[in-house]
PDB file of N, CA and C in Angstrom:
ATOM      1  N   MET A   1       4.231  11.841   6.182  1.00  0.00           N
ATOM      2  CA  MET A   1       3.977  10.465   6.551  1.00  0.00           C
ATOM      3  C   MET A   1       3.478   9.690   5.333  1.00  0.00           C
ATOM      4  N   ALA A   2       3.782   8.429   5.343  1.00  0.00           N
ATOM      5  CA  ALA A   2       3.332   7.553   4.270  1.00  0.00           C
ATOM      6  C   ALA A   2       2.837   6.256   4.896  1.00  0.00           C
ATOM      7  N   HIS A   3       2.321   5.405   4.086  1.00  0.00           N
ATOM      8  CA  HIS A   3       1.886   4.096   4.539  1.00  0.00           C
ATOM      9  C   HIS A   3       2.930   3.056   4.139  1.00  0.00           C
ATOM     10  N   LEU A   4       2.897   1.933   4.813  1.00  0.00           N
ATOM     11  CA  LEU A   4       3.846   0.856   4.588  1.00  0.00           C
ATOM     12  C   LEU A   4       3.076  -0.448   4.435  1.00  0.00           C
ATOM     13  N   ILE A   5       3.488  -1.272   3.483  1.00  0.00           N
ATOM     14  CA  ILE A   5       2.881  -2.591   3.315  1.00  0.00           C
ATOM     15  C   ILE A   5       3.742  -3.592   4.067  1.00  0.00           C
ATOM     16  N   THR A   6       3.125  -4.317   4.986  1.00  0.00           N
ATOM     17  CA  THR A   6       3.845  -5.262   5.837  1.00  0.00           C
ATOM     18  C   THR A   6       3.940  -6.639   5.180  1.00  0.00           C
ATOM     19  N   ASP A   7       4.635  -7.534   5.857  1.00  0.00           N
ATOM     20  CA  ASP A   7       4.781  -8.907   5.364  1.00  0.00           C
ATOM     21  C   ASP A   7       3.468  -9.672   5.355  1.00  0.00           C
ATOM     22  N   ASN A   8       2.413  -9.101   5.910  1.00  0.00           N
ATOM     23  CA  ASN A   8       1.091  -9.739   5.872  1.00  0.00           C
ATOM     24  C   ASN A   8       0.452  -9.648   4.484  1.00  0.00           C
ATOM     25  N   CYS A   9       1.079  -8.907   3.588  1.00  0.00           N
ATOM     26  CA  CYS A   9       0.566  -8.726   2.222  1.00  0.00           C
ATOM     27  C   CYS A   9       0.433 -10.072   1.528  1.00  0.00           C
ATOM     28  N   VAL A  10      -0.722 -10.292   0.920  1.00  0.00           N
ATOM     29  CA  VAL A  10      -0.967 -11.523   0.173  1.00  0.00           C
ATOM     30  C   VAL A  10      -0.855 -11.297  -1.338  1.00  0.00           C
ATOM     31  N   ALA A  11      -0.363 -10.127  -1.725  1.00  0.00           N
ATOM     32  CA  ALA A  11      -0.120  -9.766  -3.122  1.00  0.00           C
ATOM     33  C   ALA A  11      -1.354  -9.904  -4.001  1.00  0.00           C
ATOM     34  N   CYS A  12      -2.492  -9.494  -3.471  1.00  0.00           N
ATOM     35  CA  CYS A  12      -3.740  -9.588  -4.238  1.00  0.00           C
ATOM     36  C   CYS A  12      -3.902  -8.426  -5.224  1.00  0.00           C
ATOM     37  N   GLY A  13      -3.246  -7.294  -4.945  1.00  0.00           N
ATOM     38  CA  GLY A  13      -3.309  -6.147  -5.842  1.00  0.00           C
ATOM     39  C   GLY A  13      -4.483  -5.216  -5.620  1.00  0.00           C
ATOM     40  N   ALA A  14      -5.300  -5.464  -4.620  1.00  0.00           N
ATOM     41  CA  ALA A  14      -6.471  -4.614  -4.374  1.00  0.00           C
ATOM     42  C   ALA A  14      -6.068  -3.159  -4.132  1.00  0.00           C
ATOM     43  N   CYS A  15      -4.958  -2.951  -3.482  1.00  0.00           N
ATOM     44  CA  CYS A  15      -4.509  -1.600  -3.148  1.00  0.00           C
ATOM     45  C   CYS A  15      -4.048  -0.815  -4.376  1.00  0.00           C
ATOM     46  N   VAL A  16      -3.507  -1.504  -5.351  1.00  0.00           N
ATOM     47  CA  VAL A  16      -2.954  -0.842  -6.535  1.00  0.00           C
ATOM     48  C   VAL A  16      -4.022  -0.026  -7.253  1.00  0.00           C
ATOM     49  N   ASP A  17      -5.173  -0.615  -7.476  1.00  0.00           N
ATOM     50  CA  ASP A  17      -6.250   0.063  -8.200  1.00  0.00           C
ATOM     51  C   ASP A  17      -6.846   1.214  -7.393  1.00  0.00           C
ATOM     52  N   GLU A  18      -6.726   1.171  -6.082  1.00  0.00           N
ATOM     53  CA  GLU A  18      -7.321   2.198  -5.226  1.00  0.00           C
ATOM     54  C   GLU A  18      -6.440   3.427  -5.030  1.00  0.00           C
ATOM     55  N   CYS A  19      -5.135   3.297  -5.238  1.00  0.00           N
ATOM     56  CA  CYS A  19      -4.220   4.417  -4.993  1.00  0.00           C
ATOM     57  C   CYS A  19      -4.390   5.500  -6.058  1.00  0.00           C
ATOM     58  N   PRO A  20      -4.818   6.708  -5.644  1.00  0.00           N
ATOM     59  CA  PRO A  20      -5.046   7.772  -6.623  1.00  0.00           C
ATOM     60  C   PRO A  20      -3.756   8.352  -7.202  1.00  0.00           C
ATOM     61  N   LEU A  21      -2.626   8.085  -6.567  1.00  0.00           N
ATOM     62  CA  LEU A  21      -1.347   8.641  -7.025  1.00  0.00           C
ATOM     63  C   LEU A  21      -0.432   7.607  -7.673  1.00  0.00           C
ATOM     64  N   GLU A  22      -0.937   6.395  -7.849  1.00  0.00           N
ATOM     65  CA  GLU A  22      -0.162   5.303  -8.438  1.00  0.00           C
ATOM     66  C   GLU A  22       1.171   5.118  -7.721  1.00  0.00           C
ATOM     67  N   ALA A  23       1.127   5.171  -6.383  1.00  0.00           N
ATOM     68  CA  ALA A  23       2.324   5.054  -5.561  1.00  0.00           C
ATOM     69  C   ALA A  23       2.639   3.605  -5.189  1.00  0.00           C
ATOM     70  N   ILE A  24       1.784   2.680  -5.561  1.00  0.00           N
ATOM     71  CA  ILE A  24       1.974   1.283  -5.177  1.00  0.00           C
ATOM     72  C   ILE A  24       2.384   0.472  -6.396  1.00  0.00           C
ATOM     73  N   LYS A  25       3.479  -0.251  -6.226  1.00  0.00           N
ATOM     74  CA  LYS A  25       4.016  -1.078  -7.304  1.00  0.00           C
ATOM     75  C   LYS A  25       4.241  -2.498  -6.801  1.00  0.00           C
ATOM     76  N   GLU A  26       4.287  -3.438  -7.726  1.00  0.00           N
ATOM     77  CA  GLU A  26       4.548  -4.824  -7.368  1.00  0.00           C
ATOM     78  C   GLU A  26       6.026  -4.988  -7.049  1.00  0.00           C
ATOM     79  N   GLY A  27       6.302  -5.521  -5.864  1.00  0.00           N
ATOM     80  CA  GLY A  27       7.673  -5.795  -5.461  1.00  0.00           C
ATOM     81  C   GLY A  27       8.031  -7.234  -5.776  1.00  0.00           C
ATOM     82  N   GLU A  28       9.123  -7.702  -5.186  1.00  0.00           N
ATOM     83  CA  GLU A  28       9.570  -9.070  -5.451  1.00  0.00           C
ATOM     84  C   GLU A  28       8.588 -10.101  -4.901  1.00  0.00           C
ATOM     85  N   ASP A  29       8.185  -9.929  -3.643  1.00  0.00           N
ATOM     86  CA  ASP A  29       7.249 -10.872  -3.024  1.00  0.00           C
ATOM     87  C   ASP A  29       5.923 -10.235  -2.644  1.00  0.00           C
ATOM     88  N   ILE A  30       5.964  -8.949  -2.296  1.00  0.00           N
ATOM     89  CA  ILE A  30       4.775  -8.206  -1.878  1.00  0.00           C
ATOM     90  C   ILE A  30       4.761  -6.870  -2.608  1.00  0.00           C
ATOM     91  N   TYR A  31       3.668  -6.166  -2.505  1.00  0.00           N
ATOM     92  CA  TYR A  31       3.598  -4.840  -3.101  1.00  0.00           C
ATOM     93  C   TYR A  31       4.349  -3.844  -2.218  1.00  0.00           C
ATOM     94  N   ILE A  32       4.804  -2.749  -2.824  1.00  0.00           N
ATOM     95  CA  ILE A  32       5.535  -1.726  -2.081  1.00  0.00           C
ATOM     96  C   ILE A  32       4.937  -0.355  -2.388  1.00  0.00           C
ATOM     97  N   ILE A  33       5.076   0.548  -1.433  1.00  0.00           N
ATOM     98  CA  ILE A  33       4.570   1.916  -1.596  1.00  0.00           C
ATOM     99  C   ILE A  33       5.763   2.853  -1.741  1.00  0.00           C
ATOM    100  N   ASP A  34       5.749   3.663  -2.787  1.00  0.00           N
ATOM    101  CA  ASP A  34       6.776   4.683  -2.979  1.00  0.00           C
ATOM    102  C   ASP A  34       6.459   5.827  -2.023  1.00  0.00           C
ATOM    103  N   THR A  35       7.263   5.983  -0.993  1.00  0.00           N
ATOM    104  CA  THR A  35       6.994   6.994   0.036  1.00  0.00           C
ATOM    105  C   THR A  35       7.090   8.416  -0.503  1.00  0.00           C
ATOM    106  N   GLU A  36       7.783   8.605  -1.598  1.00  0.00           N
ATOM    107  CA  GLU A  36       7.876   9.931  -2.213  1.00  0.00           C
ATOM    108  C   GLU A  36       6.560  10.319  -2.877  1.00  0.00           C
ATOM    109  N   LEU A  37       5.804   9.342  -3.332  1.00  0.00           N
ATOM    110  CA  LEU A  37       4.533   9.607  -4.006  1.00  0.00           C
ATOM    111  C   LEU A  37       3.329   9.540  -3.079  1.00  0.00           C
ATOM    112  N   CYS A  38       3.438   8.767  -2.012  1.00  0.00           N
ATOM    113  CA  CYS A  38       2.313   8.548  -1.101  1.00  0.00           C
ATOM    114  C   CYS A  38       1.896   9.854  -0.416  1.00  0.00           C
ATOM    115  N   SER A  39       0.595  10.141  -0.457  1.00  0.00           N
ATOM    116  CA  SER A  39       0.061  11.357   0.174  1.00  0.00           C
ATOM    117  C   SER A  39      -0.567  11.060   1.533  1.00  0.00           C
ATOM    118  N   ASP A  40      -0.493   9.804   1.979  1.00  0.00           N
ATOM    119  CA  ASP A  40      -1.035   9.387   3.271  1.00  0.00           C
ATOM    120  C   ASP A  40      -2.562   9.493   3.319  1.00  0.00           C
ATOM    121  N   CYS A  41      -3.207   9.237   2.204  1.00  0.00           N
ATOM    122  CA  CYS A  41      -4.672   9.350   2.167  1.00  0.00           C
ATOM    123  C   CYS A  41      -5.363   8.162   2.847  1.00  0.00           C
ATOM    124  N   GLY A  42      -4.687   6.994   2.885  1.00  0.00           N
ATOM    125  CA  GLY A  42      -5.247   5.833   3.558  1.00  0.00           C
ATOM    126  C   GLY A  42      -6.182   4.986   2.724  1.00  0.00           C
ATOM    127  N   THR A  43      -6.400   5.351   1.492  1.00  0.00           N
ATOM    128  CA  THR A  43      -7.305   4.586   0.633  1.00  0.00           C
ATOM    129  C   THR A  43      -6.825   3.153   0.463  1.00  0.00           C
ATOM    130  N   CYS A  44      -5.517   2.986   0.349  1.00  0.00           N
ATOM    131  CA  CYS A  44      -4.966   1.645   0.172  1.00  0.00           C
ATOM    132  C   CYS A  44      -5.231   0.772   1.398  1.00  0.00           C
ATOM    133  N   ALA A  45      -5.041   1.335   2.576  1.00  0.00           N
ATOM    134  CA  ALA A  45      -5.261   0.585   3.818  1.00  0.00           C
ATOM    135  C   ALA A  45      -6.719   0.163   3.940  1.00  0.00           C
ATOM    136  N   ASP A  46      -7.620   1.036   3.532  1.00  0.00           N
ATOM    137  CA  ASP A  46      -9.046   0.721   3.595  1.00  0.00           C
ATOM    138  C   ASP A  46      -9.423  -0.416   2.648  1.00  0.00           C
ATOM    139  N   SER A  47      -8.680  -0.563   1.552  1.00  0.00           N
ATOM    140  CA  SER A  47      -9.024  -1.570   0.556  1.00  0.00           C
ATOM    141  C   SER A  47      -8.315  -2.908   0.770  1.00  0.00           C
ATOM    142  N   CYS A  48      -7.371  -2.969   1.695  1.00  0.00           N
ATOM    143  CA  CYS A  48      -6.564  -4.175   1.886  1.00  0.00           C
ATOM    144  C   CYS A  48      -7.326  -5.249   2.677  1.00  0.00           C
ATOM    145  N   PRO A  49      -7.614  -6.398   2.045  1.00  0.00           N
ATOM    146  CA  PRO A  49      -8.356  -7.454   2.736  1.00  0.00           C
ATOM    147  C   PRO A  49      -7.525  -8.164   3.817  1.00  0.00           C
ATOM    148  N   ALA A  50      -6.197  -8.009   3.766  1.00  0.00           N
ATOM    149  CA  ALA A  50      -5.317  -8.679   4.739  1.00  0.00           C
ATOM    150  C   ALA A  50      -4.867  -7.730   5.861  1.00  0.00           C
ATOM    151  N   ASP A  51      -5.363  -6.504   5.854  1.00  0.00           N
ATOM    152  CA  ASP A  51      -4.944  -5.497   6.841  1.00  0.00           C
ATOM    153  C   ASP A  51      -3.420  -5.405   6.900  1.00  0.00           C
ATOM    154  N   ALA A  52      -2.781  -5.427   5.740  1.00  0.00           N
ATOM    155  CA  ALA A  52      -1.327  -5.440   5.654  1.00  0.00           C
ATOM    156  C   ALA A  52      -0.725  -4.052   5.470  1.00  0.00           C
ATOM    157  N   ILE A  53      -1.548  -3.012   5.434  1.00  0.00           N
ATOM    158  CA  ILE A  53      -1.036  -1.666   5.204  1.00  0.00           C
ATOM    159  C   ILE A  53      -1.235  -0.829   6.448  1.00  0.00           C
ATOM    160  N   VAL A  54      -0.147  -0.250   6.925  1.00  0.00           N
ATOM    161  CA  VAL A  54      -0.170   0.532   8.153  1.00  0.00           C
ATOM    162  C   VAL A  54       0.434   1.907   7.911  1.00  0.00           C
ATOM    163  N   ALA A  55       0.022   2.865   8.738  1.00  0.00           N
ATOM    164  CA  ALA A  55       0.597   4.208   8.669  1.00  0.00           C
ATOM    165  C   ALA A  55       1.941   4.206   9.372  1.00  0.00           C
ATOM    166  N   THR A  56       2.898   4.921   8.814  1.00  0.00           N
ATOM    167  CA  THR A  56       4.205   5.049   9.439  1.00  0.00           C
ATOM    168  C   THR A  56       4.228   6.310  10.278  1.00  0.00           C
ATOM    169  N   GLU A  57       5.189   6.392  11.162  1.00  0.00           N
ATOM    170  CA  GLU A  57       5.293   7.567  12.033  1.00  0.00           C
ATOM    171  C   GLU A  57       6.298   8.547  11.538  1.00  0.00           C
TER     172      GLU A  57
END
């Protein structure tokens, strides 16, 4: 399982610095999570001020 950044992302970058695996990169409009690198630790979701990061099933 990995996390997903939704359209609620305000592109603040708070999640980027928190990801221990550097799985989050800047996308065209919002940040994106590389699902191959994501370990599902949830650190990014905890740091997101817009609650834009959710766990996938």
